[in-house]
Amino acid sequence: MRKLRFFLIGLVPGLLLTFFILNKKGASCSGYLPNSRVIAETLSKDFQYSESFKTEMDAHQVDEKFLRDSIITKGEIDFDKSFAQKKPCPEYVLIYPKKNPRFEISYEKCEKATTFNSFKKLR
């Protein structure tokens, strides 16, 4: 019992100290899942649009800011429809929003740029 008490006396302040240090640095555990990693990599690259993609964006009144800040950031990658192992540029299908999706976007994520190929409105 005495060992457990000493262990807890060291553990609790250590956890609190670690929590406050990591919290100030903005560290989080949310970026380790495959969906989060693919979206973060997508946002870090230059965007290129196919002609059909631009036409569909204009038809649905979606601008690049909304695409970047809402659709991609809050969307979810559909790995069943995606070709994540394709070389040299994996192809992904993104749906937005996660529940009751309205848009489906397919794109290729290459080394230097992301090329958006199709933009579909699902409902």
PDB file of N, CA and C in Angstrom:
ATOM      1  N   MET A   1       0.823  -1.192   0.000  1.00  0.00           N
ATOM      2  CA  MET A   1       0.000   0.000   0.000  1.00  0.00           C
ATOM      3  C   MET A   1       0.873   1.265   0.000  1.00  0.00           C
ATOM      4  N   ARG A   2       1.968   1.173   0.727  1.00  0.00           N
ATOM      5  CA  ARG A   2       2.854   2.321   0.835  1.00  0.00           C
ATOM      6  C   ARG A   2       3.504   2.633  -0.518  1.00  0.00           C
ATOM      7  N   LYS A   3       3.884   1.575  -1.262  1.00  0.00           N
ATOM      8  CA  LYS A   3       4.474   1.767  -2.590  1.00  0.00           C
ATOM      9  C   LYS A   3       3.475   2.404  -3.546  1.00  0.00           C
ATOM     10  N   LEU A   4       2.225   1.992  -3.452  1.00  0.00           N
ATOM     11  CA  LEU A   4       1.172   2.555  -4.308  1.00  0.00           C
ATOM     12  C   LEU A   4       0.987   4.047  -4.028  1.00  0.00           C
ATOM     13  N   ARG A   5       1.037   4.422  -2.760  1.00  0.00           N
ATOM     14  CA  ARG A   5       0.883   5.826  -2.381  1.00  0.00           C
ATOM     15  C   ARG A   5       2.036   6.665  -2.957  1.00  0.00           C
ATOM     16  N   PHE A   6       3.275   6.182  -2.845  1.00  0.00           N
ATOM     17  CA  PHE A   6       4.417   6.902  -3.412  1.00  0.00           C
ATOM     18  C   PHE A   6       4.318   6.991  -4.931  1.00  0.00           C
ATOM     19  N   PHE A   7       3.854   5.901  -5.537  1.00  0.00           N
ATOM     20  CA  PHE A   7       3.675   5.891  -6.985  1.00  0.00           C
ATOM     21  C   PHE A   7       2.668   6.965  -7.412  1.00  0.00           C
ATOM     22  N   LEU A   8       1.529   7.041  -6.739  1.00  0.00           N
ATOM     23  CA  LEU A   8       0.499   8.029  -7.077  1.00  0.00           C
ATOM     24  C   LEU A   8       0.955   9.451  -6.788  1.00  0.00           C
ATOM     25  N   ILE A   9       1.742   9.626  -5.737  1.00  0.00           N
ATOM     26  CA  ILE A   9       2.260  10.960  -5.413  1.00  0.00           C
ATOM     27  C   ILE A   9       3.147  11.473  -6.549  1.00  0.00           C
ATOM     28  N   GLY A  10       3.867  10.605  -7.203  1.00  0.00           N
ATOM     29  CA  GLY A  10       4.697  11.012  -8.338  1.00  0.00           C
ATOM     30  C   GLY A  10       3.932  11.050  -9.651  1.00  0.00           C
ATOM     31  N   LEU A  11       2.973  10.149  -9.822  1.00  0.00           N
ATOM     32  CA  LEU A  11       2.243  10.038 -11.083  1.00  0.00           C
ATOM     33  C   LEU A  11       1.323  11.237 -11.333  1.00  0.00           C
ATOM     34  N   VAL A  12       0.543  11.616 -10.365  1.00  0.00           N
ATOM     35  CA  VAL A  12      -0.443  12.687 -10.554  1.00  0.00           C
ATOM     36  C   VAL A  12       0.221  14.017 -10.911  1.00  0.00           C
ATOM     37  N   PRO A  13       1.206  14.506 -10.161  1.00  0.00           N
ATOM     38  CA  PRO A  13       1.844  15.761 -10.581  1.00  0.00           C
ATOM     39  C   PRO A  13       2.550  15.633 -11.929  1.00  0.00           C
ATOM     40  N   GLY A  14       3.119  14.471 -12.200  1.00  0.00           N
ATOM     41  CA  GLY A  14       3.774  14.269 -13.493  1.00  0.00           C
ATOM     42  C   GLY A  14       2.800  14.356 -14.653  1.00  0.00           C
ATOM     43  N   LEU A  15       1.630  13.757 -14.500  1.00  0.00           N
ATOM     44  CA  LEU A  15       0.602  13.844 -15.542  1.00  0.00           C
ATOM     45  C   LEU A  15       0.108  15.273 -15.730  1.00  0.00           C
ATOM     46  N   LEU A  16      -0.122  15.970 -14.624  1.00  0.00           N
ATOM     47  CA  LEU A  16      -0.576  17.361 -14.720  1.00  0.00           C
ATOM     48  C   LEU A  16       0.473  18.239 -15.400  1.00  0.00           C
ATOM     49  N   LEU A  17       1.721  18.073 -15.028  1.00  0.00           N
ATOM     50  CA  LEU A  17       2.804  18.853 -15.619  1.00  0.00           C
ATOM     51  C   LEU A  17       2.915  18.560 -17.115  1.00  0.00           C
ATOM     52  N   THR A  18       2.868  17.292 -17.480  1.00  0.00           N
ATOM     53  CA  THR A  18       2.938  16.905 -18.893  1.00  0.00           C
ATOM     54  C   THR A  18       1.752  17.468 -19.666  1.00  0.00           C
ATOM     55  N   PHE A  19       0.560  17.385 -19.084  1.00  0.00           N
ATOM     56  CA  PHE A  19      -0.641  17.907 -19.736  1.00  0.00           C
ATOM     57  C   PHE A  19      -0.511  19.406 -20.016  1.00  0.00           C
ATOM     58  N   PHE A  20      -0.068  20.178 -19.050  1.00  0.00           N
ATOM     59  CA  PHE A  20       0.051  21.620 -19.240  1.00  0.00           C
ATOM     60  C   PHE A  20       1.146  21.986 -20.234  1.00  0.00           C
ATOM     61  N   ILE A  21       2.242  21.278 -20.226  1.00  0.00           N
ATOM     62  CA  ILE A  21       3.328  21.567 -21.171  1.00  0.00           C
ATOM     63  C   ILE A  21       2.891  21.249 -22.588  1.00  0.00           C
ATOM     64  N   LEU A  22       2.302  20.072 -22.803  1.00  0.00           N
ATOM     65  CA  LEU A  22       1.858  19.698 -24.147  1.00  0.00           C
ATOM     66  C   LEU A  22       0.697  20.564 -24.626  1.00  0.00           C
ATOM     67  N   ASN A  23      -0.162  20.965 -23.718  1.00  0.00           N
ATOM     68  CA  ASN A  23      -1.300  21.806 -24.089  1.00  0.00           C
ATOM     69  C   ASN A  23      -0.840  23.175 -24.574  1.00  0.00           C
ATOM     70  N   LYS A  24       0.195  23.743 -23.959  1.00  0.00           N
ATOM     71  CA  LYS A  24       0.712  25.044 -24.380  1.00  0.00           C
ATOM     72  C   LYS A  24       1.390  24.972 -25.737  1.00  0.00           C
ATOM     73  N   LYS A  25       1.964  23.821 -26.061  1.00  0.00           N
ATOM     74  CA  LYS A  25       2.632  23.663 -27.347  1.00  0.00           C
ATOM     75  C   LYS A  25       1.656  23.300 -28.453  1.00  0.00           C
ATOM     76  N   GLY A  26       0.397  23.078 -28.120  1.00  0.00           N
ATOM     77  CA  GLY A  26      -0.606  22.770 -29.125  1.00  0.00           C
ATOM     78  C   GLY A  26      -0.559  21.328 -29.604  1.00  0.00           C
ATOM     79  N   ALA A  27       0.011  20.453 -28.838  1.00  0.00           N
ATOM     80  CA  ALA A  27       0.088  19.047 -29.235  1.00  0.00           C
ATOM     81  C   ALA A  27      -1.264  18.381 -29.037  1.00  0.00           C
ATOM     82  N   SER A  28      -1.595  17.488 -29.953  1.00  0.00           N
ATOM     83  CA  SER A  28      -2.820  16.719 -29.813  1.00  0.00           C
ATOM     84  C   SER A  28      -2.605  15.353 -30.430  1.00  0.00           C
ATOM     85  N   CYS A  29      -3.474  14.445 -30.102  1.00  0.00           N
ATOM     86  CA  CYS A  29      -3.369  13.072 -30.617  1.00  0.00           C
ATOM     87  C   CYS A  29      -4.290  12.844 -31.806  1.00  0.00           C
ATOM     88  N   SER A  30      -4.958  13.868 -32.275  1.00  0.00           N
ATOM     89  CA  SER A  30      -5.952  13.680 -33.336  1.00  0.00           C
ATOM     90  C   SER A  30      -5.323  13.481 -34.706  1.00  0.00           C
ATOM     91  N   GLY A  31      -4.059  13.792 -34.893  1.00  0.00           N
ATOM     92  CA  GLY A  31      -3.451  13.717 -36.210  1.00  0.00           C
ATOM     93  C   GLY A  31      -2.822  12.389 -36.560  1.00  0.00           C
ATOM     94  N   TYR A  32      -3.063  11.349 -35.797  1.00  0.00           N
ATOM     95  CA  TYR A  32      -2.401  10.080 -36.044  1.00  0.00           C
ATOM     96  C   TYR A  32      -3.243   9.091 -36.831  1.00  0.00           C
ATOM     97  N   LEU A  33      -4.522   9.327 -36.958  1.00  0.00           N
ATOM     98  CA  LEU A  33      -5.379   8.409 -37.706  1.00  0.00           C
ATOM     99  C   LEU A  33      -5.173   8.624 -39.205  1.00  0.00           C
ATOM    100  N   PRO A  34      -5.394   7.589 -40.014  1.00  0.00           N
ATOM    101  CA  PRO A  34      -5.147   7.715 -41.459  1.00  0.00           C
ATOM    102  C   PRO A  34      -5.927   8.851 -42.113  1.00  0.00           C
ATOM    103  N   ASN A  35      -7.189   9.038 -41.726  1.00  0.00           N
ATOM    104  CA  ASN A  35      -7.996  10.107 -42.304  1.00  0.00           C
ATOM    105  C   ASN A  35      -7.365  11.472 -42.042  1.00  0.00           C
ATOM    106  N   SER A  36      -6.943  11.714 -40.826  1.00  0.00           N
ATOM    107  CA  SER A  36      -6.333  12.994 -40.456  1.00  0.00           C
ATOM    108  C   SER A  36      -5.018  13.225 -41.184  1.00  0.00           C
ATOM    109  N   ARG A  37      -4.219  12.180 -41.326  1.00  0.00           N
ATOM    110  CA  ARG A  37      -2.924  12.328 -42.009  1.00  0.00           C
ATOM    111  C   ARG A  37      -3.105  12.655 -43.484  1.00  0.00           C
ATOM    112  N   VAL A  38      -4.034  11.968 -44.156  1.00  0.00           N
ATOM    113  CA  VAL A  38      -4.248  12.224 -45.583  1.00  0.00           C
ATOM    114  C   VAL A  38      -4.764  13.642 -45.788  1.00  0.00           C
ATOM    115  N   ILE A  39      -5.691  14.082 -44.957  1.00  0.00           N
ATOM    116  CA  ILE A  39      -6.230  15.444 -45.094  1.00  0.00           C
ATOM    117  C   ILE A  39      -5.144  16.484 -44.818  1.00  0.00           C
ATOM    118  N   ALA A  40      -4.317  16.268 -43.810  1.00  0.00           N
ATOM    119  CA  ALA A  40      -3.240  17.214 -43.509  1.00  0.00           C
ATOM    120  C   ALA A  40      -2.246  17.297 -44.666  1.00  0.00           C
ATOM    121  N   GLU A  41      -1.900  16.154 -45.262  1.00  0.00           N
ATOM    122  CA  GLU A  41      -0.986  16.158 -46.410  1.00  0.00           C
ATOM    123  C   GLU A  41      -1.623  16.845 -47.609  1.00  0.00           C
ATOM    124  N   THR A  42      -2.913  16.626 -47.799  1.00  0.00           N
ATOM    125  CA  THR A  42      -3.623  17.254 -48.919  1.00  0.00           C
ATOM    126  C   THR A  42      -3.597  18.772 -48.787  1.00  0.00           C
ATOM    127  N   LEU A  43      -3.862  19.267 -47.588  1.00  0.00           N
ATOM    128  CA  LEU A  43      -3.901  20.713 -47.368  1.00  0.00           C
ATOM    129  C   LEU A  43      -2.521  21.357 -47.480  1.00  0.00           C
ATOM    130  N   SER A  44      -1.465  20.580 -47.308  1.00  0.00           N
ATOM    131  CA  SER A  44      -0.119  21.151 -47.359  1.00  0.00           C
ATOM    132  C   SER A  44       0.414  21.305 -48.784  1.00  0.00           C
ATOM    133  N   LYS A  45      -0.281  20.779 -49.766  1.00  0.00           N
ATOM    134  CA  LYS A  45       0.190  20.821 -51.156  1.00  0.00           C
ATOM    135  C   LYS A  45      -0.544  21.892 -51.953  1.00  0.00           C
ATOM    136  N   ASP A  46       0.017  22.250 -53.118  1.00  0.00           N
ATOM    137  CA  ASP A  46      -0.635  23.196 -54.015  1.00  0.00           C
ATOM    138  C   ASP A  46      -1.844  22.529 -54.658  1.00  0.00           C
ATOM    139  N   PHE A  47      -2.904  23.303 -54.847  1.00  0.00           N
ATOM    140  CA  PHE A  47      -4.127  22.774 -55.449  1.00  0.00           C
ATOM    141  C   PHE A  47      -4.133  23.041 -56.941  1.00  0.00           C
ATOM    142  N   GLN A  48      -4.508  22.025 -57.713  1.00  0.00           N
ATOM    143  CA  GLN A  48      -4.722  22.151 -59.147  1.00  0.00           C
ATOM    144  C   GLN A  48      -6.095  21.558 -59.441  1.00  0.00           C
ATOM    145  N   TYR A  49      -6.818  22.192 -60.366  1.00  0.00           N
ATOM    146  CA  TYR A  49      -8.185  21.767 -60.655  1.00  0.00           C
ATOM    147  C   TYR A  49      -8.316  21.374 -62.119  1.00  0.00           C
ATOM    148  N   SER A  50      -9.048  20.283 -62.364  1.00  0.00           N
ATOM    149  CA  SER A  50      -9.372  19.929 -63.739  1.00  0.00           C
ATOM    150  C   SER A  50     -10.493  20.853 -64.208  1.00  0.00           C
ATOM    151  N   GLU A  51     -10.703  20.912 -65.510  1.00  0.00           N
ATOM    152  CA  GLU A  51     -11.751  21.787 -66.060  1.00  0.00           C
ATOM    153  C   GLU A  51     -13.133  21.359 -65.577  1.00  0.00           C
ATOM    154  N   SER A  52     -13.389  20.055 -65.541  1.00  0.00           N
ATOM    155  CA  SER A  52     -14.707  19.581 -65.082  1.00  0.00           C
ATOM    156  C   SER A  52     -14.916  19.911 -63.606  1.00  0.00           C
ATOM    157  N   PHE A  53     -13.845  19.860 -62.825  1.00  0.00           N
ATOM    158  CA  PHE A  53     -13.956  20.191 -61.403  1.00  0.00           C
ATOM    159  C   PHE A  53     -14.316  21.668 -61.227  1.00  0.00           C
ATOM    160  N   LYS A  54     -13.652  22.544 -61.980  1.00  0.00           N
ATOM    161  CA  LYS A  54     -13.953  23.978 -61.902  1.00  0.00           C
ATOM    162  C   LYS A  54     -15.403  24.250 -62.306  1.00  0.00           C
ATOM    163  N   THR A  55     -15.861  23.574 -63.346  1.00  0.00           N
ATOM    164  CA  THR A  55     -17.234  23.764 -63.819  1.00  0.00           C
ATOM    165  C   THR A  55     -18.237  23.349 -62.744  1.00  0.00           C
ATOM    166  N   GLU A  56     -18.006  22.208 -62.119  1.00  0.00           N
ATOM    167  CA  GLU A  56     -18.915  21.728 -61.072  1.00  0.00           C
ATOM    168  C   GLU A  56     -18.862  22.632 -59.833  1.00  0.00           C
ATOM    169  N   MET A  57     -17.687  23.134 -59.497  1.00  0.00           N
ATOM    170  CA  MET A  57     -17.595  24.069 -58.364  1.00  0.00           C
ATOM    171  C   MET A  57     -18.424  25.319 -58.629  1.00  0.00           C
ATOM    172  N   ASP A  58     -18.305  25.850 -59.839  1.00  0.00           N
ATOM    173  CA  ASP A  58     -19.083  27.037 -60.193  1.00  0.00           C
ATOM    174  C   ASP A  58     -20.579  26.739 -60.191  1.00  0.00           C
ATOM    175  N   ALA A  59     -20.963  25.575 -60.683  1.00  0.00           N
ATOM    176  CA  ALA A  59     -22.384  25.207 -60.745  1.00  0.00           C
ATOM    177  C   ALA A  59     -22.993  25.081 -59.352  1.00  0.00           C
ATOM    178  N   HIS A  60     -22.213  24.614 -58.387  1.00  0.00           N
ATOM    179  CA  HIS A  60     -22.712  24.446 -57.015  1.00  0.00           C
ATOM    180  C   HIS A  60     -22.334  25.612 -56.113  1.00  0.00           C
ATOM    181  N   GLN A  61     -21.777  26.663 -56.687  1.00  0.00           N
ATOM    182  CA  GLN A  61     -21.415  27.894 -55.972  1.00  0.00           C
ATOM    183  C   GLN A  61     -20.478  27.608 -54.782  1.00  0.00           C
ATOM    184  N   VAL A  62     -19.435  26.847 -55.057  1.00  0.00           N
ATOM    185  CA  VAL A  62     -18.422  26.529 -54.045  1.00  0.00           C
ATOM    186  C   VAL A  62     -17.134  27.219 -54.462  1.00  0.00           C
ATOM    187  N   ASP A  63     -16.568  28.027 -53.555  1.00  0.00           N
ATOM    188  CA  ASP A  63     -15.304  28.683 -53.871  1.00  0.00           C
ATOM    189  C   ASP A  63     -14.143  27.926 -53.222  1.00  0.00           C
ATOM    190  N   GLU A  64     -12.925  28.346 -53.549  1.00  0.00           N
ATOM    191  CA  GLU A  64     -11.740  27.634 -53.057  1.00  0.00           C
ATOM    192  C   GLU A  64     -11.617  27.726 -51.545  1.00  0.00           C
ATOM    193  N   LYS A  65     -11.996  28.841 -50.947  1.00  0.00           N
ATOM    194  CA  LYS A  65     -11.920  28.998 -49.496  1.00  0.00           C
ATOM    195  C   LYS A  65     -12.841  28.005 -48.796  1.00  0.00           C
ATOM    196  N   PHE A  66     -14.080  27.858 -49.291  1.00  0.00           N
ATOM    197  CA  PHE A  66     -15.008  26.901 -48.694  1.00  0.00           C
ATOM    198  C   PHE A  66     -14.509  25.474 -48.910  1.00  0.00           C
ATOM    199  N   LEU A  67     -13.944  25.216 -50.078  1.00  0.00           N
ATOM    200  CA  LEU A  67     -13.401  23.889 -50.369  1.00  0.00           C
ATOM    201  C   LEU A  67     -12.298  23.546 -49.378  1.00  0.00           C
ATOM    202  N   ARG A  68     -11.370  24.455 -49.174  1.00  0.00           N
ATOM    203  CA  ARG A  68     -10.228  24.214 -48.293  1.00  0.00           C
ATOM    204  C   ARG A  68     -10.639  24.185 -46.817  1.00  0.00           C
ATOM    205  N   ASP A  69     -11.402  25.192 -46.378  1.00  0.00           N
ATOM    206  CA  ASP A  69     -11.698  25.350 -44.954  1.00  0.00           C
ATOM    207  C   ASP A  69     -12.798  24.423 -44.437  1.00  0.00           C
ATOM    208  N   SER A  70     -13.745  24.061 -45.283  1.00  0.00           N
ATOM    209  CA  SER A  70     -14.856  23.246 -44.794  1.00  0.00           C
ATOM    210  C   SER A  70     -14.867  21.843 -45.381  1.00  0.00           C
ATOM    211  N   ILE A  71     -14.925  21.760 -46.697  1.00  0.00           N
ATOM    212  CA  ILE A  71     -15.114  20.454 -47.316  1.00  0.00           C
ATOM    213  C   ILE A  71     -13.936  19.530 -47.029  1.00  0.00           C
ATOM    214  N   ILE A  72     -12.731  19.978 -47.290  1.00  0.00           N
ATOM    215  CA  ILE A  72     -11.566  19.106 -47.080  1.00  0.00           C
ATOM    216  C   ILE A  72     -11.266  18.941 -45.596  1.00  0.00           C
ATOM    217  N   THR A  73     -11.263  20.032 -44.851  1.00  0.00           N
ATOM    218  CA  THR A  73     -10.909  19.982 -43.441  1.00  0.00           C
ATOM    219  C   THR A  73     -11.884  19.140 -42.627  1.00  0.00           C
ATOM    220  N   LYS A  74     -13.170  19.249 -42.917  1.00  0.00           N
ATOM    221  CA  LYS A  74     -14.178  18.533 -42.129  1.00  0.00           C
ATOM    222  C   LYS A  74     -14.698  17.280 -42.833  1.00  0.00           C
ATOM    223  N   GLY A  75     -14.149  16.966 -43.987  1.00  0.00           N
ATOM    224  CA  GLY A  75     -14.590  15.795 -44.732  1.00  0.00           C
ATOM    225  C   GLY A  75     -13.942  14.520 -44.215  1.00  0.00           C
ATOM    226  N   GLU A  76     -14.339  13.415 -44.834  1.00  0.00           N
ATOM    227  CA  GLU A  76     -13.797  12.118 -44.455  1.00  0.00           C
ATOM    228  C   GLU A  76     -13.410  11.350 -45.710  1.00  0.00           C
ATOM    229  N   ILE A  77     -12.249  10.723 -45.678  1.00  0.00           N
ATOM    230  CA  ILE A  77     -11.772   9.936 -46.803  1.00  0.00           C
ATOM    231  C   ILE A  77     -12.493   8.592 -46.808  1.00  0.00           C
ATOM    232  N   ASP A  78     -13.033   8.224 -47.960  1.00  0.00           N
ATOM    233  CA  ASP A  78     -13.674   6.921 -48.122  1.00  0.00           C
ATOM    234  C   ASP A  78     -12.606   5.967 -48.662  1.00  0.00           C
ATOM    235  N   PHE A  79     -11.969   5.234 -47.767  1.00  0.00           N
ATOM    236  CA  PHE A  79     -10.856   4.366 -48.158  1.00  0.00           C
ATOM    237  C   PHE A  79     -11.318   3.168 -48.984  1.00  0.00           C
ATOM    238  N   ASP A  80     -12.609   2.809 -48.908  1.00  0.00           N
ATOM    239  CA  ASP A  80     -13.114   1.706 -49.726  1.00  0.00           C
ATOM    240  C   ASP A  80     -13.131   2.066 -51.208  1.00  0.00           C
ATOM    241  N   LYS A  81     -13.379   3.330 -51.516  1.00  0.00           N
ATOM    242  CA  LYS A  81     -13.425   3.793 -52.904  1.00  0.00           C
ATOM    243  C   LYS A  81     -12.076   4.352 -53.371  1.00  0.00           C
ATOM    244  N   SER A  82     -11.162   4.566 -52.459  1.00  0.00           N
ATOM    245  CA  SER A  82      -9.876   5.190 -52.780  1.00  0.00           C
ATOM    246  C   SER A  82      -8.838   4.149 -53.187  1.00  0.00           C
ATOM    247  N   PHE A  83      -7.807   4.630 -53.886  1.00  0.00           N
ATOM    248  CA  PHE A  83      -6.659   3.801 -54.256  1.00  0.00           C
ATOM    249  C   PHE A  83      -5.423   4.392 -53.584  1.00  0.00           C
ATOM    250  N   ALA A  84      -5.308   4.149 -52.278  1.00  0.00           N
ATOM    251  CA  ALA A  84      -4.265   4.784 -51.472  1.00  0.00           C
ATOM    252  C   ALA A  84      -2.872   4.243 -51.753  1.00  0.00           C
ATOM    253  N   GLN A  85      -2.767   3.054 -52.336  1.00  0.00           N
ATOM    254  CA  GLN A  85      -1.455   2.464 -52.592  1.00  0.00           C
ATOM    255  C   GLN A  85      -0.975   2.687 -54.022  1.00  0.00           C
ATOM    256  N   LYS A  86      -1.729   3.420 -54.813  1.00  0.00           N
ATOM    257  CA  LYS A  86      -1.371   3.654 -56.210  1.00  0.00           C
ATOM    258  C   LYS A  86      -0.102   4.502 -56.289  1.00  0.00           C
ATOM    259  N   LYS A  87       0.793   4.119 -57.163  1.00  0.00           N
ATOM    260  CA  LYS A  87       2.048   4.844 -57.355  1.00  0.00           C
ATOM    261  C   LYS A  87       2.016   5.559 -58.692  1.00  0.00           C
ATOM    262  N   PRO A  88       2.550   6.702 -58.867  1.00  0.00           N
ATOM    263  CA  PRO A  88       3.208   7.577 -57.903  1.00  0.00           C
ATOM    264  C   PRO A  88       2.238   8.495 -57.171  1.00  0.00           C
ATOM    265  N   CYS A  89       0.991   8.592 -57.650  1.00  0.00           N
ATOM    266  CA  CYS A  89       0.027   9.508 -57.035  1.00  0.00           C
ATOM    267  C   CYS A  89      -1.208   8.739 -56.562  1.00  0.00           C
ATOM    268  N   PRO A  90      -1.357   8.561 -55.253  1.00  0.00           N
ATOM    269  CA  PRO A  90      -2.547   7.888 -54.746  1.00  0.00           C
ATOM    270  C   PRO A  90      -3.812   8.686 -55.060  1.00  0.00           C
ATOM    271  N   GLU A  91      -4.922   7.972 -55.293  1.00  0.00           N
ATOM    272  CA  GLU A  91      -6.203   8.608 -55.570  1.00  0.00           C
ATOM    273  C   GLU A  91      -7.109   8.418 -54.362  1.00  0.00           C
ATOM    274  N   TYR A  92      -7.778   9.500 -53.956  1.00  0.00           N
ATOM    275  CA  TYR A  92      -8.655   9.459 -52.796  1.00  0.00           C
ATOM    276  C   TYR A  92     -10.031   9.972 -53.160  1.00  0.00           C
ATOM    277  N   VAL A  93     -11.030   9.464 -52.432  1.00  0.00           N
ATOM    278  CA  VAL A  93     -12.399   9.953 -52.546  1.00  0.00           C
ATOM    279  C   VAL A  93     -12.766  10.518 -51.185  1.00  0.00           C
ATOM    280  N   LEU A  94     -13.178  11.775 -51.167  1.00  0.00           N
ATOM    281  CA  LEU A  94     -13.522  12.477 -49.937  1.00  0.00           C
ATOM    282  C   LEU A  94     -15.013  12.766 -49.954  1.00  0.00           C
ATOM    283  N   ILE A  95     -15.687  12.510 -48.837  1.00  0.00           N
ATOM    284  CA  ILE A  95     -17.101  12.853 -48.721  1.00  0.00           C
ATOM    285  C   ILE A  95     -17.262  13.922 -47.643  1.00  0.00           C
ATOM    286  N   TYR A  96     -18.233  14.802 -47.865  1.00  0.00           N
ATOM    287  CA  TYR A  96     -18.496  15.897 -46.924  1.00  0.00           C
ATOM    288  C   TYR A  96     -19.994  16.118 -46.841  1.00  0.00           C
ATOM    289  N   PRO A  97     -20.527  16.305 -45.675  1.00  0.00           N
ATOM    290  CA  PRO A  97     -19.992  16.048 -44.333  1.00  0.00           C
ATOM    291  C   PRO A  97     -19.960  14.552 -44.049  1.00  0.00           C
ATOM    292  N   LYS A  98     -19.439  14.209 -42.890  1.00  0.00           N
ATOM    293  CA  LYS A  98     -19.276  12.794 -42.556  1.00  0.00           C
ATOM    294  C   LYS A  98     -20.625  12.087 -42.445  1.00  0.00           C
ATOM    295  N   LYS A  99     -21.575  12.745 -41.792  1.00  0.00           N
ATOM    296  CA  LYS A  99     -22.922  12.182 -41.677  1.00  0.00           C
ATOM    297  C   LYS A  99     -23.794  12.805 -42.765  1.00  0.00           C
ATOM    298  N   ASN A 100     -24.554  11.988 -43.439  1.00  0.00           N
ATOM    299  CA  ASN A 100     -25.424  12.430 -44.543  1.00  0.00           C
ATOM    300  C   ASN A 100     -24.640  13.242 -45.571  1.00  0.00           C
ATOM    301  N   PRO A 101     -23.692  12.612 -46.265  1.00  0.00           N
ATOM    302  CA  PRO A 101     -22.827  13.358 -47.188  1.00  0.00           C
ATOM    303  C   PRO A 101     -23.587  14.035 -48.319  1.00  0.00           C
ATOM    304  N   ARG A 102     -23.155  15.266 -48.636  1.00  0.00           N
ATOM    305  CA  ARG A 102     -23.737  16.042 -49.735  1.00  0.00           C
ATOM    306  C   ARG A 102     -22.817  16.112 -50.938  1.00  0.00           C
ATOM    307  N   PHE A 103     -21.507  16.091 -50.694  1.00  0.00           N
ATOM    308  CA  PHE A 103     -20.538  16.211 -51.780  1.00  0.00           C
ATOM    309  C   PHE A 103     -19.570  15.038 -51.767  1.00  0.00           C
ATOM    310  N   GLU A 104     -19.117  14.659 -52.965  1.00  0.00           N
ATOM    311  CA  GLU A 104     -18.086  13.641 -53.113  1.00  0.00           C
ATOM    312  C   GLU A 104     -17.023  14.205 -54.057  1.00  0.00           C
ATOM    313  N   ILE A 105     -15.794  14.196 -53.606  1.00  0.00           N
ATOM    314  CA  ILE A 105     -14.683  14.755 -54.374  1.00  0.00           C
ATOM    315  C   ILE A 105     -13.642  13.661 -54.574  1.00  0.00           C
ATOM    316  N   SER A 106     -13.166  13.514 -55.795  1.00  0.00           N
ATOM    317  CA  SER A 106     -12.047  12.595 -56.026  1.00  0.00           C
ATOM    318  C   SER A 106     -10.844  13.415 -56.463  1.00  0.00           C
ATOM    319  N   TYR A 107      -9.681  13.030 -55.945  1.00  0.00           N
ATOM    320  CA  TYR A 107      -8.460  13.772 -56.244  1.00  0.00           C
ATOM    321  C   TYR A 107      -7.249  12.864 -56.163  1.00  0.00           C
ATOM    322  N   GLU A 108      -6.171  13.323 -56.778  1.00  0.00           N
ATOM    323  CA  GLU A 108      -4.879  12.647 -56.727  1.00  0.00           C
ATOM    324  C   GLU A 108      -3.932  13.491 -55.890  1.00  0.00           C
ATOM    325  N   LYS A 109      -3.225  12.842 -54.983  1.00  0.00           N
ATOM    326  CA  LYS A 109      -2.281  13.545 -54.116  1.00  0.00           C
ATOM    327  C   LYS A 109      -0.872  13.133 -54.523  1.00  0.00           C
ATOM    328  N   CYS A 110      -0.240  13.977 -55.308  1.00  0.00           N
ATOM    329  CA  CYS A 110       1.121  13.706 -55.761  1.00  0.00           C
ATOM    330  C   CYS A 110       2.133  14.338 -54.802  1.00  0.00           C
ATOM    331  N   GLU A 111       3.403  14.237 -55.156  1.00  0.00           N
ATOM    332  CA  GLU A 111       4.455  14.720 -54.267  1.00  0.00           C
ATOM    333  C   GLU A 111       4.408  16.236 -54.066  1.00  0.00           C
ATOM    334  N   LYS A 112       4.176  16.975 -55.141  1.00  0.00           N
ATOM    335  CA  LYS A 112       4.215  18.440 -55.051  1.00  0.00           C
ATOM    336  C   LYS A 112       2.834  19.094 -55.043  1.00  0.00           C
ATOM    337  N   ALA A 113       1.833  18.456 -55.654  1.00  0.00           N
ATOM    338  CA  ALA A 113       0.531  19.099 -55.803  1.00  0.00           C
ATOM    339  C   ALA A 113      -0.606  18.092 -55.659  1.00  0.00           C
ATOM    340  N   THR A 114      -1.779  18.621 -55.364  1.00  0.00           N
ATOM    341  CA  THR A 114      -3.005  17.844 -55.315  1.00  0.00           C
ATOM    342  C   THR A 114      -3.854  18.252 -56.513  1.00  0.00           C
ATOM    343  N   THR A 115      -4.258  17.266 -57.312  1.00  0.00           N
ATOM    344  CA  THR A 115      -5.070  17.541 -58.493  1.00  0.00           C
ATOM    345  C   THR A 115      -6.477  17.033 -58.244  1.00  0.00           C
ATOM    346  N   PHE A 116      -7.440  17.954 -58.252  1.00  0.00           N
ATOM    347  CA  PHE A 116      -8.832  17.599 -58.035  1.00  0.00           C
ATOM    348  C   PHE A 116      -9.465  17.255 -59.377  1.00  0.00           C
ATOM    349  N   ASN A 117     -10.062  16.060 -59.456  1.00  0.00           N
ATOM    350  CA  ASN A 117     -10.573  15.554 -60.721  1.00  0.00           C
ATOM    351  C   ASN A 117     -12.083  15.661 -60.863  1.00  0.00           C
ATOM    352  N   SER A 118     -12.837  15.246 -59.833  1.00  0.00           N
ATOM    353  CA  SER A 118     -14.297  15.293 -59.965  1.00  0.00           C
ATOM    354  C   SER A 118     -14.952  15.801 -58.695  1.00  0.00           C
ATOM    355  N   PHE A 119     -16.069  16.468 -58.894  1.00  0.00           N
ATOM    356  CA  PHE A 119     -16.846  17.071 -57.814  1.00  0.00           C
ATOM    357  C   PHE A 119     -18.296  16.689 -58.076  1.00  0.00           C
ATOM    358  N   LYS A 120     -18.886  15.888 -57.170  1.00  0.00           N
ATOM    359  CA  LYS A 120     -20.265  15.435 -57.357  1.00  0.00           C
ATOM    360  C   LYS A 120     -21.113  15.882 -56.184  1.00  0.00           C
ATOM    361  N   LYS A 121     -22.320  16.285 -56.497  1.00  0.00           N
ATOM    362  CA  LYS A 121     -23.283  16.574 -55.462  1.00  0.00           C
ATOM    363  C   LYS A 121     -24.139  15.322 -55.288  1.00  0.00           C
ATOM    364  N   LEU A 122     -24.181  14.784 -54.074  1.00  0.00           N
ATOM    365  CA  LEU A 122     -24.869  13.516 -53.841  1.00  0.00           C
ATOM    366  C   LEU A 122     -26.361  13.686 -53.595  1.00  0.00           C
ATOM    367  N   ARG A 123     -26.782  14.788 -53.019  1.00  0.00           N
ATOM    368  CA  ARG A 123     -28.210  15.042 -52.819  1.00  0.00           C
ATOM    369  C   ARG A 123     -28.500  16.512 -52.893  1.00  0.00           C
TER     370      ARG A 123
END
